[in-house]
Every structure is written in structure tokens, then in C-alpha cells.
Amino acid sequence: MLHTVLMTLLIIVAIALIIVVLLQSSKSTGLSGAISGGAEQLFGKQKARGIDAVLHRITVVLSVLFFVLTLLVSYGKF
């Protein structure tokens, strides 16, 4: 019973995580943009504003929840 509940939650969180990631706006163009964009974000030149900040926080929460649920499901001995 608990395994079924955890698997259902894991599927819901996975779908929500996919949707939230797809809703985020693109911040770079190609490989060169990814390298320079990462450096700018590391040094604080890019700031997330408005909905992008909210989506970023939701992504972090959902990814941590996904990781914890995956560990609980894979452990298997409740």
C-alpha cells in the first residue's frame, strides 16, 4: 500500500518537474551561450526576475522531492 502511494507521488512529481522545466525561459543560445551564461550566472550578472525566480524555486523543490521519493521507493523495505 505504501509503495503504491509513493510510486503515485513519484509519478506526479516527475510530471510536474517536466512541466516546470519546460515553462522556464531559455537563458542561452547554443554551447557558447551556455558556457558564458554559466559564468555570468556564477558571478552574479544574471538575476532571475518575476516568474523565472518562482519557477526556479519550484524546480529546486520538486527536484529534491523527486530525489527523496526515488530513494524511498528504491529502498523497498518500509
PDB file of N, CA and C in Angstrom:
ATOM      1  N   MET A   1       0.822  -1.192   0.000  1.00  0.00           N
ATOM      2  CA  MET A   1       0.000   0.000   0.000  1.00  0.00           C
ATOM      3  C   MET A   1       0.869   1.260   0.000  1.00  0.00           C
ATOM      4  N   LEU A   2       1.858   1.321   0.894  1.00  0.00           N
ATOM      5  CA  LEU A   2       2.737   2.488   0.973  1.00  0.00           C
ATOM      6  C   LEU A   2       3.565   2.626  -0.299  1.00  0.00           C
ATOM      7  N   HIS A   3       3.974   1.507  -0.855  1.00  0.00           N
ATOM      8  CA  HIS A   3       4.748   1.529  -2.100  1.00  0.00           C
ATOM      9  C   HIS A   3       3.923   2.134  -3.236  1.00  0.00           C
ATOM     10  N   THR A   4       2.651   1.800  -3.293  1.00  0.00           N
ATOM     11  CA  THR A   4       1.764   2.338  -4.330  1.00  0.00           C
ATOM     12  C   THR A   4       1.584   3.846  -4.170  1.00  0.00           C
ATOM     13  N   VAL A   5       1.437   4.302  -2.947  1.00  0.00           N
ATOM     14  CA  VAL A   5       1.301   5.739  -2.682  1.00  0.00           C
ATOM     15  C   VAL A   5       2.572   6.477  -3.080  1.00  0.00           C
ATOM     16  N   LEU A   6       3.723   5.926  -2.705  1.00  0.00           N
ATOM     17  CA  LEU A   6       4.992   6.570  -3.054  1.00  0.00           C
ATOM     18  C   LEU A   6       5.222   6.589  -4.566  1.00  0.00           C
ATOM     19  N   MET A   7       4.870   5.511  -5.244  1.00  0.00           N
ATOM     20  CA  MET A   7       5.026   5.484  -6.704  1.00  0.00           C
ATOM     21  C   MET A   7       4.104   6.500  -7.376  1.00  0.00           C
ATOM     22  N   THR A   8       2.885   6.629  -6.868  1.00  0.00           N
ATOM     23  CA  THR A   8       1.960   7.614  -7.417  1.00  0.00           C
ATOM     24  C   THR A   8       2.487   9.028  -7.213  1.00  0.00           C
ATOM     25  N   LEU A   9       2.989   9.319  -6.014  1.00  0.00           N
ATOM     26  CA  LEU A   9       3.586  10.624  -5.752  1.00  0.00           C
ATOM     27  C   LEU A   9       4.803  10.875  -6.635  1.00  0.00           C
ATOM     28  N   LEU A  10       5.599   9.854  -6.844  1.00  0.00           N
ATOM     29  CA  LEU A  10       6.795   9.982  -7.679  1.00  0.00           C
ATOM     30  C   LEU A  10       6.419  10.317  -9.118  1.00  0.00           C
ATOM     31  N   ILE A  11       5.386   9.679  -9.632  1.00  0.00           N
ATOM     32  CA  ILE A  11       4.940   9.965 -10.999  1.00  0.00           C
ATOM     33  C   ILE A  11       4.389  11.382 -11.105  1.00  0.00           C
ATOM     34  N   ILE A  12       3.621  11.813 -10.117  1.00  0.00           N
ATOM     35  CA  ILE A  12       3.065  13.173 -10.133  1.00  0.00           C
ATOM     36  C   ILE A  12       4.179  14.212 -10.063  1.00  0.00           C
ATOM     37  N   VAL A  13       5.157  13.991  -9.185  1.00  0.00           N
ATOM     38  CA  VAL A  13       6.281  14.922  -9.056  1.00  0.00           C
ATOM     39  C   VAL A  13       7.112  14.942 -10.339  1.00  0.00           C
ATOM     40  N   ALA A  14       7.317  13.790 -10.953  1.00  0.00           N
ATOM     41  CA  ALA A  14       8.089  13.734 -12.197  1.00  0.00           C
ATOM     42  C   ALA A  14       7.404  14.521 -13.313  1.00  0.00           C
ATOM     43  N   ILE A  15       6.103  14.365 -13.444  1.00  0.00           N
ATOM     44  CA  ILE A  15       5.363  15.099 -14.477  1.00  0.00           C
ATOM     45  C   ILE A  15       5.389  16.598 -14.184  1.00  0.00           C
ATOM     46  N   ALA A  16       5.208  16.973 -12.925  1.00  0.00           N
ATOM     47  CA  ALA A  16       5.254  18.387 -12.551  1.00  0.00           C
ATOM     48  C   ALA A  16       6.633  18.983 -12.809  1.00  0.00           C
ATOM     49  N   LEU A  17       7.683  18.214 -12.526  1.00  0.00           N
ATOM     50  CA  LEU A  17       9.049  18.683 -12.770  1.00  0.00           C
ATOM     51  C   LEU A  17       9.302  18.908 -14.254  1.00  0.00           C
ATOM     52  N   ILE A  18       8.831  18.006 -15.079  1.00  0.00           N
ATOM     53  CA  ILE A  18       8.979  18.164 -16.532  1.00  0.00           C
ATOM     54  C   ILE A  18       8.256  19.423 -17.000  1.00  0.00           C
ATOM     55  N   ILE A  19       7.044  19.635 -16.516  1.00  0.00           N
ATOM     56  CA  ILE A  19       6.261  20.804 -16.932  1.00  0.00           C
ATOM     57  C   ILE A  19       6.936  22.101 -16.495  1.00  0.00           C
ATOM     58  N   VAL A  20       7.412  22.149 -15.256  1.00  0.00           N
ATOM     59  CA  VAL A  20       8.048  23.373 -14.745  1.00  0.00           C
ATOM     60  C   VAL A  20       9.329  23.669 -15.507  1.00  0.00           C
ATOM     61  N   VAL A  21      10.114  22.655 -15.822  1.00  0.00           N
ATOM     62  CA  VAL A  21      11.343  22.881 -16.580  1.00  0.00           C
ATOM     63  C   VAL A  21      11.020  23.392 -17.980  1.00  0.00           C
ATOM     64  N   LEU A  22       9.993  22.849 -18.605  1.00  0.00           N
ATOM     65  CA  LEU A  22       9.626  23.305 -19.938  1.00  0.00           C
ATOM     66  C   LEU A  22       9.045  24.715 -19.942  1.00  0.00           C
ATOM     67  N   LEU A  23       8.473  25.154 -18.838  1.00  0.00           N
ATOM     68  CA  LEU A  23       7.917  26.502 -18.753  1.00  0.00           C
ATOM     69  C   LEU A  23       8.984  27.584 -18.589  1.00  0.00           C
ATOM     70  N   GLN A  24      10.161  27.202 -18.139  1.00  0.00           N
ATOM     71  CA  GLN A  24      11.209  28.196 -17.917  1.00  0.00           C
ATOM     72  C   GLN A  24      11.727  28.744 -19.231  1.00  0.00           C
ATOM     73  N   SER A  25      12.091  30.019 -19.200  1.00  0.00           N
ATOM     74  CA  SER A  25      12.600  30.650 -20.413  1.00  0.00           C
ATOM     75  C   SER A  25      14.060  30.272 -20.623  1.00  0.00           C
ATOM     76  N   SER A  26      14.456  30.234 -21.882  1.00  0.00           N
ATOM     77  CA  SER A  26      15.826  29.887 -22.237  1.00  0.00           C
ATOM     78  C   SER A  26      16.736  31.066 -21.929  1.00  0.00           C
ATOM     79  N   LYS A  27      17.917  30.794 -21.368  1.00  0.00           N
ATOM     80  CA  LYS A  27      18.831  31.859 -20.990  1.00  0.00           C
ATOM     81  C   LYS A  27      20.077  31.902 -21.859  1.00  0.00           C
ATOM     82  N   SER A  28      20.231  30.972 -22.781  1.00  0.00           N
ATOM     83  CA  SER A  28      21.441  30.956 -23.593  1.00  0.00           C
ATOM     84  C   SER A  28      21.127  30.439 -24.988  1.00  0.00           C
ATOM     85  N   THR A  29      22.092  30.649 -25.891  1.00  0.00           N
ATOM     86  CA  THR A  29      21.934  30.171 -27.261  1.00  0.00           C
ATOM     87  C   THR A  29      23.108  29.281 -27.603  1.00  0.00           C
ATOM     88  N   GLY A  30      22.867  27.994 -27.603  1.00  0.00           N
ATOM     89  CA  GLY A  30      23.913  27.067 -28.004  1.00  0.00           C
ATOM     90  C   GLY A  30      24.965  26.835 -26.943  1.00  0.00           C
ATOM     91  N   LEU A  31      26.034  26.167 -27.345  1.00  0.00           N
ATOM     92  CA  LEU A  31      27.092  25.802 -26.415  1.00  0.00           C
ATOM     93  C   LEU A  31      27.872  27.013 -25.933  1.00  0.00           C
ATOM     94  N   SER A  32      28.173  27.948 -26.808  1.00  0.00           N
ATOM     95  CA  SER A  32      28.924  29.127 -26.386  1.00  0.00           C
ATOM     96  C   SER A  32      28.114  29.971 -25.415  1.00  0.00           C
ATOM     97  N   GLY A  33      26.806  30.050 -25.634  1.00  0.00           N
ATOM     98  CA  GLY A  33      25.954  30.777 -24.706  1.00  0.00           C
ATOM     99  C   GLY A  33      25.855  30.078 -23.370  1.00  0.00           C
ATOM    100  N   ALA A  34      25.896  28.753 -23.391  1.00  0.00           N
ATOM    101  CA  ALA A  34      25.820  28.002 -22.141  1.00  0.00           C
ATOM    102  C   ALA A  34      27.063  28.225 -21.299  1.00  0.00           C
ATOM    103  N   ILE A  35      28.206  28.287 -21.941  1.00  0.00           N
ATOM    104  CA  ILE A  35      29.454  28.493 -21.204  1.00  0.00           C
ATOM    105  C   ILE A  35      29.515  29.909 -20.652  1.00  0.00           C
ATOM    106  N   SER A  36      29.263  30.899 -21.478  1.00  0.00           N
ATOM    107  CA  SER A  36      29.319  32.280 -20.999  1.00  0.00           C
ATOM    108  C   SER A  36      28.152  32.590 -20.070  1.00  0.00           C
ATOM    109  N   GLY A  37      26.997  32.015 -20.344  1.00  0.00           N
ATOM    110  CA  GLY A  37      25.841  32.227 -19.478  1.00  0.00           C
ATOM    111  C   GLY A  37      26.061  31.649 -18.093  1.00  0.00           C
ATOM    112  N   GLY A  38      26.721  30.497 -18.033  1.00  0.00           N
ATOM    113  CA  GLY A  38      27.038  29.905 -16.735  1.00  0.00           C
ATOM    114  C   GLY A  38      28.006  30.750 -15.950  1.00  0.00           C
ATOM    115  N   ALA A  39      28.978  31.339 -16.638  1.00  0.00           N
ATOM    116  CA  ALA A  39      29.945  32.203 -15.970  1.00  0.00           C
ATOM    117  C   ALA A  39      29.275  33.476 -15.471  1.00  0.00           C
ATOM    118  N   GLU A  40      28.390  34.039 -16.281  1.00  0.00           N
ATOM    119  CA  GLU A  40      27.693  35.250 -15.855  1.00  0.00           C
ATOM    120  C   GLU A  40      26.804  34.971 -14.651  1.00  0.00           C
ATOM    121  N   GLN A  41      26.150  33.825 -14.656  1.00  0.00           N
ATOM    122  CA  GLN A  41      25.283  33.496 -13.531  1.00  0.00           C
ATOM    123  C   GLN A  41      26.115  33.221 -12.277  1.00  0.00           C
ATOM    124  N   LEU A  42      27.274  32.610 -12.448  1.00  0.00           N
ATOM    125  CA  LEU A  42      28.141  32.321 -11.316  1.00  0.00           C
ATOM    126  C   LEU A  42      28.626  33.605 -10.661  1.00  0.00           C
ATOM    127  N   PHE A  43      28.949  34.595 -11.469  1.00  0.00           N
ATOM    128  CA  PHE A  43      29.469  35.847 -10.939  1.00  0.00           C
ATOM    129  C   PHE A  43      28.383  36.872 -10.681  1.00  0.00           C
ATOM    130  N   GLY A  44      27.130  36.502 -10.841  1.00  0.00           N
ATOM    131  CA  GLY A  44      26.027  37.356 -10.429  1.00  0.00           C
ATOM    132  C   GLY A  44      25.580  38.388 -11.435  1.00  0.00           C
ATOM    133  N   LYS A  45      25.896  38.254 -12.702  1.00  0.00           N
ATOM    134  CA  LYS A  45      25.463  39.246 -13.681  1.00  0.00           C
ATOM    135  C   LYS A  45      24.041  38.992 -14.156  1.00  0.00           C
ATOM    136  N   GLN A  46      23.580  37.757 -14.071  1.00  0.00           N
ATOM    137  CA  GLN A  46      22.213  37.448 -14.463  1.00  0.00           C
ATOM    138  C   GLN A  46      21.384  37.224 -13.209  1.00  0.00           C
ATOM    139  N   LYS A  47      20.304  37.932 -13.116  1.00  0.00           N
ATOM    140  CA  LYS A  47      19.391  37.761 -11.989  1.00  0.00           C
ATOM    141  C   LYS A  47      18.054  37.270 -12.517  1.00  0.00           C
ATOM    142  N   ALA A  48      17.511  36.271 -11.854  1.00  0.00           N
ATOM    143  CA  ALA A  48      16.185  35.779 -12.229  1.00  0.00           C
ATOM    144  C   ALA A  48      15.148  36.741 -11.670  1.00  0.00           C
ATOM    145  N   ARG A  49      14.181  37.112 -12.493  1.00  0.00           N
ATOM    146  CA  ARG A  49      13.171  38.074 -12.072  1.00  0.00           C
ATOM    147  C   ARG A  49      11.786  37.502 -12.307  1.00  0.00           C
ATOM    148  N   GLY A  50      10.874  37.896 -11.452  1.00  0.00           N
ATOM    149  CA  GLY A  50       9.467  37.564 -11.629  1.00  0.00           C
ATOM    150  C   GLY A  50       9.175  36.080 -11.663  1.00  0.00           C
ATOM    151  N   ILE A  51       8.509  35.684 -12.729  1.00  0.00           N
ATOM    152  CA  ILE A  51       8.061  34.298 -12.855  1.00  0.00           C
ATOM    153  C   ILE A  51       9.236  33.335 -12.981  1.00  0.00           C
ATOM    154  N   ASP A  52      10.351  33.795 -13.550  1.00  0.00           N
ATOM    155  CA  ASP A  52      11.518  32.923 -13.661  1.00  0.00           C
ATOM    156  C   ASP A  52      12.069  32.546 -12.289  1.00  0.00           C
ATOM    157  N   ALA A  53      12.049  33.477 -11.355  1.00  0.00           N
ATOM    158  CA  ALA A  53      12.518  33.181  -9.996  1.00  0.00           C
ATOM    159  C   ALA A  53      11.602  32.175  -9.312  1.00  0.00           C
ATOM    160  N   VAL A  54      10.307  32.347  -9.508  1.00  0.00           N
ATOM    161  CA  VAL A  54       9.338  31.416  -8.907  1.00  0.00           C
ATOM    162  C   VAL A  54       9.498  30.026  -9.507  1.00  0.00           C
ATOM    163  N   LEU A  55       9.624  29.962 -10.834  1.00  0.00           N
ATOM    164  CA  LEU A  55       9.808  28.663 -11.487  1.00  0.00           C
ATOM    165  C   LEU A  55      11.110  28.000 -11.061  1.00  0.00           C
ATOM    166  N   HIS A  56      12.149  28.802 -10.846  1.00  0.00           N
ATOM    167  CA  HIS A  56      13.428  28.242 -10.393  1.00  0.00           C
ATOM    168  C   HIS A  56      13.286  27.622  -9.007  1.00  0.00           C
ATOM    169  N   ARG A  57      12.602  28.322  -8.103  1.00  0.00           N
ATOM    170  CA  ARG A  57      12.405  27.785  -6.749  1.00  0.00           C
ATOM    171  C   ARG A  57      11.551  26.522  -6.769  1.00  0.00           C
ATOM    172  N   ILE A  58      10.507  26.521  -7.598  1.00  0.00           N
ATOM    173  CA  ILE A  58       9.649  25.337  -7.710  1.00  0.00           C
ATOM    174  C   ILE A  58      10.452  24.163  -8.266  1.00  0.00           C
ATOM    175  N   THR A  59      11.328  24.430  -9.238  1.00  0.00           N
ATOM    176  CA  THR A  59      12.164  23.378  -9.811  1.00  0.00           C
ATOM    177  C   THR A  59      13.077  22.769  -8.761  1.00  0.00           C
ATOM    178  N   VAL A  60      13.663  23.603  -7.928  1.00  0.00           N
ATOM    179  CA  VAL A  60      14.556  23.098  -6.871  1.00  0.00           C
ATOM    180  C   VAL A  60      13.780  22.231  -5.890  1.00  0.00           C
ATOM    181  N   VAL A  61      12.616  22.693  -5.467  1.00  0.00           N
ATOM    182  CA  VAL A  61      11.811  21.926  -4.508  1.00  0.00           C
ATOM    183  C   VAL A  61      11.366  20.597  -5.112  1.00  0.00           C
ATOM    184  N   LEU A  62      10.888  20.630  -6.356  1.00  0.00           N
ATOM    185  CA  LEU A  62      10.435  19.400  -6.997  1.00  0.00           C
ATOM    186  C   LEU A  62      11.577  18.424  -7.241  1.00  0.00           C
ATOM    187  N   SER A  63      12.754  18.936  -7.576  1.00  0.00           N
ATOM    188  CA  SER A  63      13.874  18.025  -7.811  1.00  0.00           C
ATOM    189  C   SER A  63      14.340  17.363  -6.516  1.00  0.00           C
ATOM    190  N   VAL A  64      14.347  18.091  -5.414  1.00  0.00           N
ATOM    191  CA  VAL A  64      14.694  17.485  -4.121  1.00  0.00           C
ATOM    192  C   VAL A  64      13.644  16.447  -3.725  1.00  0.00           C
ATOM    193  N   LEU A  65      12.380  16.791  -3.916  1.00  0.00           N
ATOM    194  CA  LEU A  65      11.300  15.849  -3.614  1.00  0.00           C
ATOM    195  C   LEU A  65      11.392  14.605  -4.486  1.00  0.00           C
ATOM    196  N   PHE A  66      11.720  14.788  -5.765  1.00  0.00           N
ATOM    197  CA  PHE A  66      11.894  13.660  -6.677  1.00  0.00           C
ATOM    198  C   PHE A  66      13.021  12.749  -6.201  1.00  0.00           C
ATOM    199  N   PHE A  67      14.126  13.327  -5.788  1.00  0.00           N
ATOM    200  CA  PHE A  67      15.271  12.556  -5.302  1.00  0.00           C
ATOM    201  C   PHE A  67      14.908  11.758  -4.045  1.00  0.00           C
ATOM    202  N   VAL A  68      14.247  12.394  -3.106  1.00  0.00           N
ATOM    203  CA  VAL A  68      13.872  11.720  -1.854  1.00  0.00           C
ATOM    204  C   VAL A  68      12.870  10.595  -2.121  1.00  0.00           C
ATOM    205  N   LEU A  69      11.873  10.864  -2.956  1.00  0.00           N
ATOM    206  CA  LEU A  69      10.891   9.828  -3.274  1.00  0.00           C
ATOM    207  C   LEU A  69      11.523   8.652  -4.014  1.00  0.00           C
ATOM    208  N   THR A  70      12.471   8.949  -4.895  1.00  0.00           N
ATOM    209  CA  THR A  70      13.157   7.878  -5.610  1.00  0.00           C
ATOM    210  C   THR A  70      13.934   6.989  -4.645  1.00  0.00           C
ATOM    211  N   LEU A  71      14.602   7.612  -3.685  1.00  0.00           N
ATOM    212  CA  LEU A  71      15.325   6.823  -2.682  1.00  0.00           C
ATOM    213  C   LEU A  71      14.382   5.972  -1.839  1.00  0.00           C
ATOM    214  N   LEU A  72      13.250   6.555  -1.456  1.00  0.00           N
ATOM    215  CA  LEU A  72      12.290   5.798  -0.635  1.00  0.00           C
ATOM    216  C   LEU A  72      11.693   4.626  -1.408  1.00  0.00           C
ATOM    217  N   VAL A  73      11.369   4.843  -2.681  1.00  0.00           N
ATOM    218  CA  VAL A  73      10.800   3.765  -3.496  1.00  0.00           C
ATOM    219  C   VAL A  73      11.837   2.673  -3.735  1.00  0.00           C
ATOM    220  N   SER A  74      13.076   3.070  -3.992  1.00  0.00           N
ATOM    221  CA  SER A  74      14.101   2.073  -4.289  1.00  0.00           C
ATOM    222  C   SER A  74      14.548   1.316  -3.034  1.00  0.00           C
ATOM    223  N   TYR A  75      14.388   1.909  -1.867  1.00  0.00           N
ATOM    224  CA  TYR A  75      14.775   1.231  -0.634  1.00  0.00           C
ATOM    225  C   TYR A  75      13.917  -0.020  -0.450  1.00  0.00           C
ATOM    226  N   GLY A  76      12.622   0.121  -0.611  1.00  0.00           N
ATOM    227  CA  GLY A  76      11.727  -1.021  -0.686  1.00  0.00           C
ATOM    228  C   GLY A  76      11.328  -1.682   0.618  1.00  0.00           C
ATOM    229  N   LYS A  77      11.991  -1.431   1.724  1.00  0.00           N
ATOM    230  CA  LYS A  77      11.638  -2.071   2.993  1.00  0.00           C
ATOM    231  C   LYS A  77      11.068  -1.026   3.934  1.00  0.00           C
ATOM    232  N   PHE A  78       9.780  -0.938   3.965  1.00  0.00           N
ATOM    233  CA  PHE A  78       9.134   0.078   4.781  1.00  0.00           C
ATOM    234  C   PHE A  78       8.709  -0.522   6.090  1.00  0.00           C
TER     235      PHE A  78
END
